[in-house]
Amino acid sequence: MRNRTHAVVAAAVLLLALAPAAHAQSSGNFAGTVNNTQCTIGSGGGLLSPSPTPRTFTLGAATITTPTSSKVDLLIGLSAVTGLFTNTMTNAGIANPKIRVGVTVTGTAGQVEPMGMITFDERYQQLTTTTGTPLLCVANGGGSTQCNVNLLLSTLSAKHFNFFVKGVGGGTHSVVVQWDLLCRQSNGSDGPCPVDNTADACVGPATLTVQQVRSF
């Protein structure tokens, strides 16, 4: 009976000793936010709403507090509804809207990865015809001349993307999401959207999640 009692006491002591260790390995806290801006497609011509002004803006920010430790990291998840509008009506016409996104974290000893702005969504559209006039090509089939219409589409798309910070360090950190909406201008350079009823982009709703994780 005495041996059984000793065994029970030893097991209880062992559980108490392991409890703090298990707690120390906890993944930590969580922060999240949502922006309910609705990116919609209009019934008249398929135009997007809302149209971005200005082209660079903040959509999503969260605050998280982490303990002081070299083994604490941040996992940052970003999900969003995005819209791209393209309309090419002239021969060799090009429409190229793109959505880029980046994350900044304050008060961190580590580096946000990937660095800088990444492409979250992009479409490249180009229309070419042998007649040089797409509308005539459609209207009369090109007449006595063979009429070829070529529509080129190339896309990049994320919808969800993970950023991370290794060794974030202790303290309170502000995580901010920066969006950049760009459209190809008539001179071939990137500029603000929309462009002459040929290209546009919009974002929303969007969610941002930030999770403290522990490296082993």
Protein backbone atom coordinates (compact mmCIF):
# COMPACT_ATOMS: atom_id res chain seq x y z
CA MET A 1 0.00 0.00 0.00
CA ARG A 2 2.86 2.32 0.88
CA ASN A 3 4.54 1.64 -2.50
CA ARG A 4 1.30 2.49 -4.33
CA THR A 5 1.00 5.76 -2.40
CA HIS A 6 4.57 6.69 -3.27
CA ALA A 7 3.87 5.95 -6.95
CA VAL A 8 0.81 8.22 -6.96
CA VAL A 9 2.72 11.05 -5.28
CA ALA A 10 5.62 10.68 -7.71
CA ALA A 11 3.25 10.84 -10.69
CA ALA A 12 1.61 14.00 -9.34
CA VAL A 13 4.98 15.67 -8.80
CA LEU A 14 6.00 14.75 -12.35
CA LEU A 15 2.83 16.29 -13.80
CA LEU A 16 3.40 19.50 -11.86
CA ALA A 17 6.98 19.66 -13.09
CA LEU A 18 5.95 19.20 -16.73
CA ALA A 19 3.11 21.74 -16.63
CA PRO A 20 5.31 24.88 -16.81
CA ALA A 21 7.37 23.33 -19.64
CA ALA A 22 4.25 22.65 -21.67
CA HIS A 23 3.04 26.20 -21.09
CA ALA A 24 6.38 27.61 -22.24
CA GLN A 25 6.01 25.79 -25.56
CA SER A 26 2.64 27.41 -26.27
CA SER A 27 2.47 29.10 -29.69
CA GLY A 28 1.35 32.34 -28.03
CA ASN A 29 -1.21 34.97 -28.94
CA PHE A 30 -3.13 35.99 -32.03
CA ALA A 31 -4.35 39.22 -33.63
CA GLY A 32 -6.58 39.80 -36.61
CA THR A 33 -8.53 42.46 -38.43
CA VAL A 34 -10.92 42.73 -41.37
CA ASN A 35 -11.69 45.54 -43.80
CA ASN A 36 -15.19 45.20 -45.23
CA THR A 37 -14.73 47.41 -48.28
CA GLN A 38 -16.64 45.67 -51.08
CA CYS A 39 -14.97 45.41 -54.49
CA THR A 40 -17.85 44.92 -56.96
CA ILE A 41 -18.43 44.56 -60.71
CA GLY A 42 -20.99 46.98 -62.11
CA SER A 43 -23.84 45.84 -64.35
CA GLY A 44 -23.18 48.55 -66.94
CA GLY A 45 -20.01 47.63 -68.81
CA GLY A 46 -18.43 45.63 -66.03
CA LEU A 47 -16.68 48.59 -64.42
CA LEU A 48 -15.22 48.09 -60.95
CA SER A 49 -16.27 49.90 -57.80
CA PRO A 50 -14.85 51.49 -55.76
CA SER A 51 -12.11 52.91 -57.97
CA PRO A 52 -8.94 53.50 -55.91
CA THR A 53 -7.97 57.04 -54.90
CA PRO A 54 -5.08 57.35 -54.21
CA ARG A 55 -3.44 54.35 -55.85
CA THR A 56 -1.33 53.57 -52.72
CA PHE A 57 -3.25 53.04 -49.48
CA THR A 58 -3.41 51.08 -46.23
CA LEU A 59 -6.02 48.34 -45.97
CA GLY A 60 -5.48 46.24 -42.86
CA ALA A 61 -3.54 46.83 -39.63
CA ALA A 62 -3.19 44.85 -36.39
CA THR A 63 -1.24 45.07 -33.11
CA ILE A 64 0.33 42.15 -31.26
CA THR A 65 2.50 41.93 -28.12
CA THR A 66 5.24 39.29 -27.92
CA PRO A 67 7.53 38.15 -25.06
CA THR A 68 11.27 38.80 -25.09
CA SER A 69 12.85 35.74 -26.70
CA SER A 70 15.11 35.02 -29.65
CA LYS A 71 12.86 32.08 -30.58
CA VAL A 72 9.63 34.05 -31.09
CA ASP A 73 8.49 34.56 -34.71
CA LEU A 74 5.44 36.09 -36.40
CA LEU A 75 3.33 34.39 -39.05
CA ILE A 76 1.32 36.97 -41.02
CA GLY A 77 -1.52 35.85 -43.27
CA LEU A 78 -3.26 38.08 -45.80
CA SER A 79 -6.40 37.20 -47.77
CA ALA A 80 -8.38 39.51 -50.06
CA VAL A 81 -10.98 39.75 -52.79
CA THR A 82 -9.41 41.53 -55.76
CA GLY A 83 -10.86 42.83 -59.01
CA LEU A 84 -9.18 43.52 -62.37
CA PHE A 85 -10.87 45.26 -65.31
CA THR A 86 -9.43 45.15 -68.85
CA ASN A 87 -10.92 46.48 -72.09
CA THR A 88 -8.90 46.53 -75.34
CA MET A 89 -10.71 48.04 -78.34
CA THR A 90 -7.86 49.11 -80.65
CA ASN A 91 -5.36 47.10 -82.66
CA ALA A 92 -2.31 46.28 -80.53
CA GLY A 93 -4.19 47.75 -77.56
CA ILE A 94 -2.76 46.75 -74.18
CA ALA A 95 -4.42 46.76 -70.75
CA ASN A 96 -2.31 45.83 -67.74
CA PRO A 97 -3.71 46.40 -64.22
CA LYS A 98 -1.78 45.06 -61.26
CA ILE A 99 -2.16 44.89 -57.49
CA ARG A 100 0.94 44.83 -55.29
CA VAL A 101 1.09 44.42 -51.54
CA GLY A 102 3.68 44.71 -48.78
CA VAL A 103 3.79 44.35 -45.00
CA THR A 104 5.67 46.44 -42.43
CA VAL A 105 6.18 45.50 -38.77
CA THR A 106 7.32 48.04 -36.17
CA GLY A 107 9.59 47.35 -33.21
CA THR A 108 11.09 44.17 -34.61
CA ALA A 109 14.64 42.88 -34.58
CA GLY A 110 13.89 40.66 -37.57
CA GLN A 111 13.14 41.29 -41.24
CA VAL A 112 9.73 40.87 -42.86
CA GLU A 113 9.93 38.19 -45.55
CA PRO A 114 9.43 38.50 -48.43
CA MET A 115 10.80 42.04 -48.45
CA GLY A 116 9.20 44.96 -50.27
CA MET A 117 6.11 44.82 -52.47
CA ILE A 118 5.00 41.56 -54.08
CA THR A 119 2.51 41.02 -56.92
CA PHE A 120 -0.83 39.92 -55.46
CA ASP A 121 -2.81 40.05 -58.72
CA GLU A 122 -2.04 41.10 -62.30
CA ARG A 123 -3.49 40.73 -65.79
CA TYR A 124 -1.86 41.53 -69.12
CA GLN A 125 -4.26 41.75 -72.07
CA GLN A 126 -3.36 42.57 -75.68
CA LEU A 127 -5.62 42.65 -78.76
CA THR A 128 -4.25 42.40 -82.32
CA THR A 129 -5.96 41.97 -85.71
CA THR A 130 -4.70 41.54 -89.26
CA THR A 131 -6.97 44.37 -90.50
CA GLY A 132 -5.72 46.90 -87.98
CA THR A 133 -9.33 47.81 -87.12
CA PRO A 134 -10.99 45.33 -84.70
CA LEU A 135 -14.52 46.79 -85.13
CA LEU A 136 -14.43 46.41 -88.93
CA CYS A 137 -13.09 42.92 -88.52
CA VAL A 138 -16.10 41.99 -86.39
CA ALA A 139 -18.64 43.90 -88.51
CA ASN A 140 -17.94 42.44 -91.95
CA GLY A 141 -15.56 39.57 -91.33
CA GLY A 142 -12.71 41.48 -92.89
CA GLY A 143 -14.29 41.66 -96.35
CA SER A 144 -12.33 39.76 -98.97
CA THR A 145 -9.29 39.65 -96.68
CA GLN A 146 -8.86 36.94 -94.07
CA CYS A 147 -9.54 38.45 -90.66
CA ASN A 148 -7.64 37.14 -87.64
CA VAL A 149 -8.29 38.40 -84.13
CA ASN A 150 -5.77 37.49 -81.45
CA LEU A 151 -6.48 38.10 -77.77
CA LEU A 152 -3.54 37.51 -75.46
CA LEU A 153 -4.16 37.06 -71.73
CA SER A 154 -1.52 36.46 -69.06
CA THR A 155 -2.25 36.49 -65.32
CA LEU A 156 -0.63 36.29 -61.90
CA SER A 157 -2.81 35.65 -58.86
CA ALA A 158 -2.34 35.01 -55.12
CA LYS A 159 -5.65 35.62 -53.22
CA HIS A 160 -3.85 34.52 -50.04
CA PHE A 161 -0.23 35.08 -49.09
CA ASN A 162 1.89 34.47 -45.98
CA PHE A 163 4.57 36.82 -44.70
CA PHE A 164 6.77 36.06 -41.70
CA VAL A 165 9.30 37.60 -39.32
CA LYS A 166 12.00 35.45 -37.71
CA GLY A 167 13.20 36.54 -34.28
CA VAL A 168 10.72 39.37 -33.90
CA GLY A 169 11.84 40.16 -30.34
CA GLY A 170 9.75 41.28 -27.39
CA GLY A 171 7.38 44.23 -27.29
CA THR A 172 4.29 45.58 -28.99
CA HIS A 173 4.36 45.41 -32.78
CA SER A 174 2.15 47.17 -35.30
CA VAL A 175 1.58 45.15 -38.48
CA VAL A 176 0.46 47.28 -41.43
CA VAL A 177 -0.54 46.20 -44.95
CA GLN A 178 0.25 48.56 -47.80
CA TRP A 179 -1.47 48.16 -51.18
CA ASP A 180 -0.36 49.61 -54.51
CA LEU A 181 -2.79 49.59 -57.47
CA LEU A 182 -1.16 50.30 -60.82
CA CYS A 183 -2.36 50.45 -64.42
CA ARG A 184 -0.37 50.67 -67.65
CA GLN A 185 -0.47 54.19 -69.09
CA SER A 186 -0.54 55.15 -72.80
CA ASN A 187 3.25 55.65 -72.73
CA GLY A 188 3.83 52.13 -71.41
CA SER A 189 4.70 53.12 -67.83
CA ASP A 190 2.84 52.20 -64.64
CA GLY A 191 0.55 54.86 -63.17
CA PRO A 192 -2.68 55.35 -61.25
CA CYS A 193 -5.89 53.46 -62.07
CA PRO A 194 -8.27 53.68 -63.87
CA VAL A 195 -6.97 54.37 -67.39
CA ASP A 196 -9.27 55.59 -70.20
CA ASN A 197 -11.87 52.85 -69.66
CA THR A 198 -9.23 50.24 -70.49
CA ALA A 199 -7.85 49.13 -67.10
CA ASP A 200 -8.77 49.30 -63.43
CA ALA A 201 -8.28 47.42 -60.15
CA CYS A 202 -9.85 47.25 -56.70
CA VAL A 203 -9.40 45.41 -53.37
CA GLY A 204 -11.80 44.28 -50.65
CA PRO A 205 -12.88 42.73 -48.41
CA ALA A 206 -9.51 41.86 -46.90
CA THR A 207 -8.45 40.03 -43.73
CA LEU A 208 -5.14 40.21 -41.88
CA THR A 209 -4.09 37.61 -39.29
CA VAL A 210 -0.98 37.73 -37.12
CA GLN A 211 0.10 34.72 -35.04
CA GLN A 212 2.97 34.43 -32.58
CA VAL A 213 4.85 31.15 -33.09
CA ARG A 214 7.84 29.63 -31.33
CA SER A 215 10.92 28.21 -33.06
CA PHE A 216 12.46 25.02 -31.67
